[in-house]
PDB file of N, CA and C in Angstrom:
ATOM      1  N   UNK A   1    -120.912 -32.087  13.172  1.00  0.00           N
ATOM      2  CA  UNK A   1    -120.251 -33.262  12.566  1.00  0.00           C
ATOM      3  C   UNK A   1    -120.734 -33.471  11.157  1.00  0.00           C
ATOM      4  N   UNK A   2    -122.016 -33.358  10.969  1.00  0.00           N
ATOM      5  CA  UNK A   2    -122.525 -33.617   9.612  1.00  0.00           C
ATOM      6  C   UNK A   2    -122.247 -32.441   8.698  1.00  0.00           C
ATOM      7  N   UNK A   3    -122.081 -31.247   9.260  1.00  0.00           N
ATOM      8  CA  UNK A   3    -121.762 -30.106   8.455  1.00  0.00           C
ATOM      9  C   UNK A   3    -120.279 -30.203   7.946  1.00  0.00           C
ATOM     10  N   UNK A   4    -119.422 -30.848   8.730  1.00  0.00           N
ATOM     11  CA  UNK A   4    -117.995 -31.048   8.307  1.00  0.00           C
ATOM     12  C   UNK A   4    -118.024 -31.960   7.127  1.00  0.00           C
ATOM     13  N   UNK A   5    -118.747 -33.013   7.092  1.00  0.00           N
ATOM     14  CA  UNK A   5    -118.761 -33.918   5.977  1.00  0.00           C
ATOM     15  C   UNK A   5    -119.453 -33.239   4.773  1.00  0.00           C
ATOM     16  N   UNK A   6    -120.361 -32.370   5.008  1.00  0.00           N
ATOM     17  CA  UNK A   6    -120.982 -31.606   3.911  1.00  0.00           C
ATOM     18  C   UNK A   6    -119.979 -30.659   3.324  1.00  0.00           C
ATOM     19  N   UNK A   7    -119.238 -30.026   4.141  1.00  0.00           N
ATOM     20  CA  UNK A   7    -118.225 -29.015   3.578  1.00  0.00           C
ATOM     21  C   UNK A   7    -117.151 -29.718   2.840  1.00  0.00           C
ATOM     22  N   UNK A   8    -116.678 -30.937   3.378  1.00  0.00           N
ATOM     23  CA  UNK A   8    -115.714 -31.712   2.743  1.00  0.00           C
ATOM     24  C   UNK A   8    -116.199 -32.176   1.298  1.00  0.00           C
ATOM     25  N   UNK A   9    -117.428 -32.678   1.283  1.00  0.00           N
ATOM     26  CA  UNK A   9    -117.983 -33.110  -0.039  1.00  0.00           C
ATOM     27  C   UNK A   9    -118.068 -32.011  -0.998  1.00  0.00           C
ATOM     28  N   UNK A  10    -118.476 -30.789  -0.610  1.00  0.00           N
ATOM     29  CA  UNK A  10    -118.509 -29.608  -1.506  1.00  0.00           C
ATOM     30  C   UNK A  10    -117.165 -29.245  -1.991  1.00  0.00           C
ATOM     31  N   UNK A  11    -116.171 -29.225  -1.099  1.00  0.00           N
ATOM     32  CA  UNK A  11    -114.756 -28.845  -1.508  1.00  0.00           C
ATOM     33  C   UNK A  11    -114.252 -29.875  -2.445  1.00  0.00           C
ATOM     34  N   UNK A  12    -114.508 -31.136  -2.224  1.00  0.00           N
ATOM     35  CA  UNK A  12    -114.026 -32.189  -3.110  1.00  0.00           C
ATOM     36  C   UNK A  12    -114.607 -32.079  -4.495  1.00  0.00           C
ATOM     37  N   UNK A  13    -116.001 -31.820  -4.489  1.00  0.00           N
ATOM     38  CA  UNK A  13    -116.601 -31.680  -5.839  1.00  0.00           C
ATOM     39  C   UNK A  13    -116.271 -30.362  -6.582  1.00  0.00           C
ATOM     40  N   UNK A  14    -115.666 -29.403  -5.873  1.00  0.00           N
ATOM     41  CA  UNK A  14    -115.349 -28.102  -6.458  1.00  0.00           C
ATOM     42  C   UNK A  14    -113.936 -28.208  -7.143  1.00  0.00           C
ATOM     43  N   UNK A  15    -113.276 -29.273  -7.102  1.00  0.00           N
ATOM     44  CA  UNK A  15    -111.982 -29.365  -7.717  1.00  0.00           C
ATOM     45  C   UNK A  15    -112.065 -29.507  -9.242  1.00  0.00           C
ATOM     46  N   UNK A  16    -110.934 -29.348  -9.872  1.00  0.00           N
ATOM     47  CA  UNK A  16    -110.904 -29.317 -11.365  1.00  0.00           C
ATOM     48  C   UNK A  16    -111.375 -30.661 -11.877  1.00  0.00           C
ATOM     49  N   UNK A  17    -111.040 -31.763 -11.240  1.00  0.00           N
ATOM     50  CA  UNK A  17    -111.488 -33.067 -11.677  1.00  0.00           C
ATOM     51  C   UNK A  17    -112.867 -33.219 -11.976  1.00  0.00           C
ATOM     52  N   UNK A  18    -113.716 -32.610 -11.149  1.00  0.00           N
ATOM     53  CA  UNK A  18    -115.205 -32.723 -11.320  1.00  0.00           C
ATOM     54  C   UNK A  18    -115.843 -31.613 -12.088  1.00  0.00           C
ATOM     55  N   UNK A  19    -115.057 -30.766 -12.537  1.00  0.00           N
ATOM     56  CA  UNK A  19    -115.607 -29.570 -13.354  1.00  0.00           C
ATOM     57  C   UNK A  19    -115.422 -29.730 -14.814  1.00  0.00           C
ATOM     58  N   UNK A  20    -114.657 -30.729 -15.253  1.00  0.00           N
ATOM     59  CA  UNK A  20    -114.409 -30.998 -16.688  1.00  0.00           C
ATOM     60  C   UNK A  20    -114.429 -32.464 -17.000  1.00  0.00           C
ATOM     61  N   UNK A  21    -114.327 -32.741 -18.226  1.00  0.00           N
ATOM     62  CA  UNK A  21    -114.245 -34.076 -18.803  1.00  0.00           C
ATOM     63  C   UNK A  21    -115.477 -34.916 -18.563  1.00  0.00           C
ATOM     64  N   UNK A  22    -115.451 -36.142 -18.553  1.00  0.00           N
ATOM     65  CA  UNK A  22    -116.615 -37.047 -18.431  1.00  0.00           C
ATOM     66  C   UNK A  22    -117.047 -37.173 -16.954  1.00  0.00           C
ATOM     67  N   UNK A  23    -116.270 -36.708 -16.016  1.00  0.00           N
ATOM     68  CA  UNK A  23    -116.658 -36.685 -14.572  1.00  0.00           C
ATOM     69  C   UNK A  23    -117.404 -35.427 -14.157  1.00  0.00           C
ATOM     70  N   UNK A  24    -117.776 -34.590 -15.147  1.00  0.00           N
ATOM     71  CA  UNK A  24    -118.333 -33.293 -14.780  1.00  0.00           C
ATOM     72  C   UNK A  24    -119.664 -33.439 -13.990  1.00  0.00           C
ATOM     73  N   UNK A  25    -119.750 -32.655 -12.958  1.00  0.00           N
ATOM     74  CA  UNK A  25    -120.969 -32.569 -12.165  1.00  0.00           C
ATOM     75  C   UNK A  25    -121.573 -31.204 -12.320  1.00  0.00           C
ATOM     76  N   UNK A  26    -122.817 -31.187 -12.842  1.00  0.00           N
ATOM     77  CA  UNK A  26    -123.422 -29.875 -13.131  1.00  0.00           C
ATOM     78  C   UNK A  26    -123.862 -29.174 -11.872  1.00  0.00           C
ATOM     79  N   UNK A  27    -124.333 -29.875 -10.924  1.00  0.00           N
ATOM     80  CA  UNK A  27    -124.762 -29.232  -9.684  1.00  0.00           C
ATOM     81  C   UNK A  27    -124.347 -30.184  -8.535  1.00  0.00           C
ATOM     82  N   UNK A  28    -123.565 -29.679  -7.574  1.00  0.00           N
ATOM     83  CA  UNK A  28    -123.128 -30.473  -6.430  1.00  0.00           C
ATOM     84  C   UNK A  28    -124.225 -30.610  -5.357  1.00  0.00           C
ATOM     85  N   UNK A  29    -125.366 -30.044  -5.594  1.00  0.00           N
ATOM     86  CA  UNK A  29    -126.468 -30.011  -4.577  1.00  0.00           C
ATOM     87  C   UNK A  29    -126.840 -31.399  -4.074  1.00  0.00           C
ATOM     88  N   UNK A  30    -127.140 -32.332  -4.976  1.00  0.00           N
ATOM     89  CA  UNK A  30    -127.597 -33.591  -4.533  1.00  0.00           C
ATOM     90  C   UNK A  30    -126.540 -34.412  -3.828  1.00  0.00           C
ATOM     91  N   UNK A  31    -125.294 -34.472  -4.350  1.00  0.00           N
ATOM     92  CA  UNK A  31    -124.212 -35.200  -3.656  1.00  0.00           C
ATOM     93  C   UNK A  31    -123.830 -34.610  -2.216  1.00  0.00           C
ATOM     94  N   UNK A  32    -123.939 -33.273  -2.237  1.00  0.00           N
ATOM     95  CA  UNK A  32    -123.608 -32.631  -0.874  1.00  0.00           C
ATOM     96  C   UNK A  32    -124.754 -32.905   0.103  1.00  0.00           C
ATOM     97  N   UNK A  33    -126.005 -32.877  -0.329  1.00  0.00           N
ATOM     98  CA  UNK A  33    -127.053 -33.261   0.578  1.00  0.00           C
ATOM     99  C   UNK A  33    -127.019 -34.654   0.992  1.00  0.00           C
ATOM    100  N   UNK A  34    -126.629 -35.572   0.038  1.00  0.00           N
ATOM    101  CA  UNK A  34    -126.506 -36.944   0.473  1.00  0.00           C
ATOM    102  C   UNK A  34    -125.371 -37.185   1.494  1.00  0.00           C
ATOM    103  N   UNK A  35    -124.284 -36.428   1.340  1.00  0.00           N
ATOM    104  CA  UNK A  35    -123.177 -36.503   2.302  1.00  0.00           C
ATOM    105  C   UNK A  35    -123.618 -35.969   3.647  1.00  0.00           C
ATOM    106  N   UNK A  36    -124.405 -34.897   3.600  1.00  0.00           N
ATOM    107  CA  UNK A  36    -124.946 -34.338   4.853  1.00  0.00           C
ATOM    108  C   UNK A  36    -125.827 -35.309   5.564  1.00  0.00           C
ATOM    109  N   UNK A  37    -126.787 -35.992   4.875  1.00  0.00           N
ATOM    110  CA  UNK A  37    -127.677 -36.935   5.477  1.00  0.00           C
ATOM    111  C   UNK A  37    -126.926 -38.043   6.034  1.00  0.00           C
ATOM    112  N   UNK A  38    -125.973 -38.604   5.291  1.00  0.00           N
ATOM    113  CA  UNK A  38    -125.183 -39.755   5.756  1.00  0.00           C
ATOM    114  C   UNK A  38    -124.345 -39.371   6.956  1.00  0.00           C
ATOM    115  N   UNK A  39    -123.714 -38.169   6.949  1.00  0.00           N
ATOM    116  CA  UNK A  39    -122.993 -37.710   8.124  1.00  0.00           C
ATOM    117  C   UNK A  39    -123.831 -37.527   9.316  1.00  0.00           C
ATOM    118  N   UNK A  40    -125.024 -37.025   9.190  1.00  0.00           N
ATOM    119  CA  UNK A  40    -126.012 -36.810  10.276  1.00  0.00           C
ATOM    120  C   UNK A  40    -126.381 -38.161  10.880  1.00  0.00           C
ATOM    121  N   UNK A  41    -126.638 -39.185   9.996  1.00  0.00           N
ATOM    122  CA  UNK A  41    -127.029 -40.515  10.560  1.00  0.00           C
ATOM    123  C   UNK A  41    -125.833 -41.115  11.322  1.00  0.00           C
ATOM    124  N   UNK A  42    -124.641 -41.071  10.817  1.00  0.00           N
ATOM    125  CA  UNK A  42    -123.487 -41.621  11.446  1.00  0.00           C
ATOM    126  C   UNK A  42    -123.238 -40.868  12.790  1.00  0.00           C
ATOM    127  N   UNK A  43    -123.354 -39.575  12.764  1.00  0.00           N
ATOM    128  CA  UNK A  43    -123.139 -38.866  14.098  1.00  0.00           C
ATOM    129  C   UNK A  43    -124.239 -39.166  15.092  1.00  0.00           C
ATOM    130  N   UNK A  44    -125.437 -39.252  14.690  1.00  0.00           N
ATOM    131  CA  UNK A  44    -126.551 -39.607  15.596  1.00  0.00           C
ATOM    132  C   UNK A  44    -126.354 -41.010  16.155  1.00  0.00           C
ATOM    133  N   UNK A  45    -125.963 -41.969  15.361  1.00  0.00           N
ATOM    134  CA  UNK A  45    -125.783 -43.299  15.863  1.00  0.00           C
ATOM    135  C   UNK A  45    -124.524 -43.336  16.836  1.00  0.00           C
ATOM    136  N   UNK A  46    -123.443 -42.693  16.505  1.00  0.00           N
ATOM    137  CA  UNK A  46    -122.340 -42.667  17.334  1.00  0.00           C
ATOM    138  C   UNK A  46    -122.674 -42.067  18.720  1.00  0.00           C
ATOM    139  N   UNK A  47    -123.400 -40.937  18.734  1.00  0.00           N
ATOM    140  CA  UNK A  47    -123.734 -40.331  20.073  1.00  0.00           C
ATOM    141  C   UNK A  47    -124.729 -41.194  20.825  1.00  0.00           C
ATOM    142  N   UNK A  48    -125.561 -41.955  20.047  1.00  0.00           N
ATOM    143  CA  UNK A  48    -126.508 -42.843  20.774  1.00  0.00           C
ATOM    144  C   UNK A  48    -125.783 -44.005  21.529  1.00  0.00           C
ATOM    145  N   UNK A  49    -124.743 -44.430  20.853  1.00  0.00           N
ATOM    146  CA  UNK A  49    -123.939 -45.524  21.431  1.00  0.00           C
ATOM    147  C   UNK A  49    -123.191 -45.005  22.699  1.00  0.00           C
ATOM    148  N   UNK A  50    -122.611 -43.821  22.569  1.00  0.00           N
ATOM    149  CA  UNK A  50    -121.881 -43.196  23.693  1.00  0.00           C
ATOM    150  C   UNK A  50    -122.898 -43.008  24.861  1.00  0.00           C
ATOM    151  N   UNK A  51    -124.052 -42.452  24.545  1.00  0.00           N
ATOM    152  CA  UNK A  51    -125.036 -42.229  25.649  1.00  0.00           C
ATOM    153  C   UNK A  51    -125.526 -43.535  26.308  1.00  0.00           C
ATOM    154  N   UNK A  52    -125.729 -44.526  25.555  1.00  0.00           N
ATOM    155  CA  UNK A  52    -126.131 -45.908  26.114  1.00  0.00           C
ATOM    156  C   UNK A  52    -124.974 -46.448  26.959  1.00  0.00           C
ATOM    157  N   UNK A  53    -123.751 -46.273  26.597  1.00  0.00           N
ATOM    158  CA  UNK A  53    -122.611 -46.827  27.377  1.00  0.00           C
ATOM    159  C   UNK A  53    -122.541 -46.060  28.722  1.00  0.00           C
ATOM    160  N   UNK A  54    -122.689 -44.707  28.627  1.00  0.00           N
ATOM    161  CA  UNK A  54    -122.652 -43.918  29.865  1.00  0.00           C
ATOM    162  C   UNK A  54    -123.909 -44.367  30.803  1.00  0.00           C
ATOM    163  N   UNK A  55    -124.995 -44.539  30.332  1.00  0.00           N
ATOM    164  CA  UNK A  55    -126.084 -44.959  31.090  1.00  0.00           C
ATOM    165  C   UNK A  55    -125.862 -46.358  31.724  1.00  0.00           C
ATOM    166  N   UNK A  56    -125.175 -47.234  30.910  1.00  0.00           N
ATOM    167  CA  UNK A  56    -124.982 -48.611  31.420  1.00  0.00           C
ATOM    168  C   UNK A  56    -123.965 -48.509  32.554  1.00  0.00           C
ATOM    169  N   UNK A  57    -122.931 -47.701  32.433  1.00  0.00           N
ATOM    170  CA  UNK A  57    -121.995 -47.544  33.524  1.00  0.00           C
ATOM    171  C   UNK A  57    -122.616 -46.978  34.826  1.00  0.00           C
ATOM    172  N   UNK A  58    -123.473 -46.030  34.665  1.00  0.00           N
ATOM    173  CA  UNK A  58    -124.142 -45.425  35.866  1.00  0.00           C
ATOM    174  C   UNK A  58    -125.048 -46.444  36.464  1.00  0.00           C
ATOM    175  N   UNK A  59    -125.808 -47.180  35.662  1.00  0.00           N
ATOM    176  CA  UNK A  59    -126.708 -48.198  36.258  1.00  0.00           C
ATOM    177  C   UNK A  59    -125.991 -49.348  36.906  1.00  0.00           C
ATOM    178  N   UNK A  60    -124.875 -49.714  36.325  1.00  0.00           N
ATOM    179  CA  UNK A  60    -123.997 -50.768  36.965  1.00  0.00           C
ATOM    180  C   UNK A  60    -123.500 -50.216  38.318  1.00  0.00           C
ATOM    181  N   UNK A  61    -123.091 -49.039  38.366  1.00  0.00           N
ATOM    182  CA  UNK A  61    -122.621 -48.505  39.703  1.00  0.00           C
ATOM    183  C   UNK A  61    -123.704 -48.478  40.700  1.00  0.00           C
ATOM    184  N   UNK A  62    -124.912 -47.970  40.233  1.00  0.00           N
ATOM    185  CA  UNK A  62    -126.065 -47.944  41.179  1.00  0.00           C
ATOM    186  C   UNK A  62    -126.467 -49.353  41.632  1.00  0.00           C
ATOM    187  N   UNK A  63    -126.412 -50.334  40.765  1.00  0.00           N
ATOM    188  CA  UNK A  63    -126.758 -51.706  41.228  1.00  0.00           C
ATOM    189  C   UNK A  63    -125.717 -52.236  42.182  1.00  0.00           C
ATOM    190  N   UNK A  64    -124.446 -51.982  41.904  1.00  0.00           N
ATOM    191  CA  UNK A  64    -123.391 -52.336  42.801  1.00  0.00           C
ATOM    192  C   UNK A  64    -123.541 -51.766  44.207  1.00  0.00           C
ATOM    193  N   UNK A  65    -123.832 -50.446  44.212  1.00  0.00           N
ATOM    194  CA  UNK A  65    -124.022 -49.725  45.510  1.00  0.00           C
ATOM    195  C   UNK A  65    -125.263 -50.291  46.233  1.00  0.00           C
ATOM    196  N   UNK A  66    -126.287 -50.565  45.520  1.00  0.00           N
ATOM    197  CA  UNK A  66    -127.516 -51.069  46.122  1.00  0.00           C
ATOM    198  C   UNK A  66    -127.266 -52.476  46.764  1.00  0.00           C
ATOM    199  N   UNK A  67    -126.489 -53.326  46.093  1.00  0.00           N
ATOM    200  CA  UNK A  67    -126.300 -54.640  46.538  1.00  0.00           C
ATOM    201  C   UNK A  67    -125.363 -54.687  47.823  1.00  0.00           C
ATOM    202  N   UNK A  68    -124.523 -53.688  47.921  1.00  0.00           N
ATOM    203  CA  UNK A  68    -123.508 -53.584  49.046  1.00  0.00           C
ATOM    204  C   UNK A  68    -123.899 -52.509  49.967  1.00  0.00           C
ATOM    205  N   UNK A  69    -125.152 -52.152  50.236  1.00  0.00           N
ATOM    206  CA  UNK A  69    -125.590 -51.292  51.327  1.00  0.00           C
ATOM    207  C   UNK A  69    -125.053 -49.861  51.080  1.00  0.00           C
ATOM    208  N   UNK A  70    -125.090 -49.340  49.906  1.00  0.00           N
ATOM    209  CA  UNK A  70    -124.657 -47.997  49.648  1.00  0.00           C
ATOM    210  C   UNK A  70    -123.135 -47.752  49.336  1.00  0.00           C
ATOM    211  N   UNK A  71    -122.371 -48.797  49.347  1.00  0.00           N
ATOM    212  CA  UNK A  71    -120.986 -48.657  48.981  1.00  0.00           C
ATOM    213  C   UNK A  71    -120.711 -49.598  47.816  1.00  0.00           C
ATOM    214  N   UNK A  72    -120.193 -49.024  46.772  1.00  0.00           N
ATOM    215  CA  UNK A  72    -119.908 -49.852  45.529  1.00  0.00           C
ATOM    216  C   UNK A  72    -118.578 -50.520  45.736  1.00  0.00           C
ATOM    217  N   UNK A  73    -118.524 -51.828  45.526  1.00  0.00           N
ATOM    218  CA  UNK A  73    -117.294 -52.587  45.733  1.00  0.00           C
ATOM    219  C   UNK A  73    -116.528 -52.862  44.414  1.00  0.00           C
ATOM    220  N   UNK A  74    -117.244 -52.995  43.348  1.00  0.00           N
ATOM    221  CA  UNK A  74    -116.636 -53.397  42.110  1.00  0.00           C
ATOM    222  C   UNK A  74    -116.311 -52.124  41.126  1.00  0.00           C
ATOM    223  N   UNK A  75    -116.705 -51.023  41.525  1.00  0.00           N
ATOM    224  CA  UNK A  75    -116.502 -49.771  40.624  1.00  0.00           C
ATOM    225  C   UNK A  75    -115.068 -49.329  40.751  1.00  0.00           C
ATOM    226  N   UNK A  76    -114.594 -48.737  39.664  1.00  0.00           N
ATOM    227  CA  UNK A  76    -113.279 -48.194  39.670  1.00  0.00           C
ATOM    228  C   UNK A  76    -113.137 -47.037  40.677  1.00  0.00           C
ATOM    229  N   UNK A  77    -111.956 -46.815  41.215  1.00  0.00           N
ATOM    230  CA  UNK A  77    -111.800 -45.715  42.231  1.00  0.00           C
ATOM    231  C   UNK A  77    -112.206 -44.321  41.694  1.00  0.00           C
ATOM    232  N   UNK A  78    -111.883 -44.062  40.398  1.00  0.00           N
ATOM    233  CA  UNK A  78    -112.231 -42.775  39.891  1.00  0.00           C
ATOM    234  C   UNK A  78    -113.723 -42.566  39.805  1.00  0.00           C
ATOM    235  N   UNK A  79    -114.461 -43.562  39.454  1.00  0.00           N
ATOM    236  CA  UNK A  79    -115.900 -43.454  39.397  1.00  0.00           C
ATOM    237  C   UNK A  79    -116.494 -43.277  40.853  1.00  0.00           C
ATOM    238  N   UNK A  80    -115.939 -43.990  41.800  1.00  0.00           N
ATOM    239  CA  UNK A  80    -116.428 -43.812  43.128  1.00  0.00           C
ATOM    240  C   UNK A  80    -116.145 -42.350  43.679  1.00  0.00           C
ATOM    241  N   UNK A  81    -114.938 -41.845  43.371  1.00  0.00           N
ATOM    242  CA  UNK A  81    -114.618 -40.498  43.811  1.00  0.00           C
ATOM    243  C   UNK A  81    -115.532 -39.555  43.140  1.00  0.00           C
ATOM    244  N   UNK A  82    -115.876 -39.721  41.862  1.00  0.00           N
ATOM    245  CA  UNK A  82    -116.736 -38.771  41.179  1.00  0.00           C
ATOM    246  C   UNK A  82    -118.151 -38.739  41.783  1.00  0.00           C
ATOM    247  N   UNK A  83    -118.680 -39.872  42.099  1.00  0.00           N
ATOM    248  CA  UNK A  83    -119.991 -39.908  42.706  1.00  0.00           C
ATOM    249  C   UNK A  83    -119.969 -39.424  44.110  1.00  0.00           C
ATOM    250  N   UNK A  84    -118.853 -39.621  44.890  1.00  0.00           N
ATOM    251  CA  UNK A  84    -118.739 -39.172  46.192  1.00  0.00           C
ATOM    252  C   UNK A  84    -118.649 -37.620  46.222  1.00  0.00           C
ATOM    253  N   UNK A  85    -117.942 -37.054  45.235  1.00  0.00           N
ATOM    254  CA  UNK A  85    -117.941 -35.584  45.111  1.00  0.00           C
ATOM    255  C   UNK A  85    -119.312 -35.041  44.801  1.00  0.00           C
ATOM    256  N   UNK A  86    -120.094 -35.706  43.940  1.00  0.00           N
ATOM    257  CA  UNK A  86    -121.423 -35.199  43.687  1.00  0.00           C
ATOM    258  C   UNK A  86    -122.362 -35.293  44.940  1.00  0.00           C
ATOM    259  N   UNK A  87    -122.143 -36.325  45.725  1.00  0.00           N
ATOM    260  CA  UNK A  87    -122.957 -36.498  46.926  1.00  0.00           C
ATOM    261  C   UNK A  87    -122.559 -35.408  47.873  1.00  0.00           C
ATOM    262  N   UNK A  88    -121.331 -34.957  47.936  1.00  0.00           N
ATOM    263  CA  UNK A  88    -120.891 -33.936  48.823  1.00  0.00           C
ATOM    264  C   UNK A  88    -121.505 -32.612  48.431  1.00  0.00           C
ATOM    265  N   UNK A  89    -121.551 -32.342  47.165  1.00  0.00           N
ATOM    266  CA  UNK A  89    -122.121 -31.088  46.619  1.00  0.00           C
ATOM    267  C   UNK A  89    -123.602 -31.058  46.921  1.00  0.00           C
ATOM    268  N   UNK A  90    -124.268 -32.213  46.824  1.00  0.00           N
ATOM    269  CA  UNK A  90    -125.706 -32.264  47.169  1.00  0.00           C
ATOM    270  C   UNK A  90    -125.937 -32.003  48.625  1.00  0.00           C
ATOM    271  N   UNK A  91    -125.128 -32.599  49.464  1.00  0.00           N
ATOM    272  CA  UNK A  91    -125.186 -32.421  50.947  1.00  0.00           C
ATOM    273  C   UNK A  91    -124.981 -30.861  51.295  1.00  0.00           C
ATOM    274  N   UNK A  92    -124.016 -30.197  50.663  1.00  0.00           N
ATOM    275  CA  UNK A  92    -123.759 -28.854  50.916  1.00  0.00           C
ATOM    276  C   UNK A  92    -125.001 -28.014  50.476  1.00  0.00           C
ATOM    277  N   UNK A  93    -125.556 -28.378  49.322  1.00  0.00           N
ATOM    278  CA  UNK A  93    -126.715 -27.569  48.836  1.00  0.00           C
ATOM    279  C   UNK A  93    -127.885 -27.737  49.678  1.00  0.00           C
ATOM    280  N   UNK A  94    -128.105 -28.967  50.236  1.00  0.00           N
ATOM    281  CA  UNK A  94    -129.183 -29.198  51.167  1.00  0.00           C
ATOM    282  C   UNK A  94    -129.075 -28.417  52.472  1.00  0.00           C
ATOM    283  N   UNK A  95    -127.872 -28.291  52.957  1.00  0.00           N
ATOM    284  CA  UNK A  95    -127.591 -27.583  54.232  1.00  0.00           C
ATOM    285  C   UNK A  95    -127.937 -26.089  54.080  1.00  0.00           C
ATOM    286  N   UNK A  96    -127.743 -25.529  52.964  1.00  0.00           N
ATOM    287  CA  UNK A  96    -127.969 -24.094  52.676  1.00  0.00           C
ATOM    288  C   UNK A  96    -129.470 -23.774  52.593  1.00  0.00           C
ATOM    289  N   UNK A  97    -130.243 -24.812  52.238  1.00  0.00           N
ATOM    290  CA  UNK A  97    -131.717 -24.563  52.102  1.00  0.00           C
ATOM    291  C   UNK A  97    -132.426 -24.476  53.374  1.00  0.00           C
TER     292      UNK A  97
END
């Protein structure tokens, strides 16, 4: 993700507009590195938010299942099916051992 922003910054600075006149950039190294750093920070924060939301959903499911003796009542059907499939895979794996 951050490399894409880095490549975009380099290609933008490589145009005719930044090679001549008073907008001339002698070396695109610093602006490209700054774009890479900013892109890296944004991508890291985005993925941290996604990870935290996934963890929150899983913990909410576990709390719901714990309060209702192993059966989640408030979880969406797709989430219940997904965890039931995982439980089935674990049961099959345990039988083979």
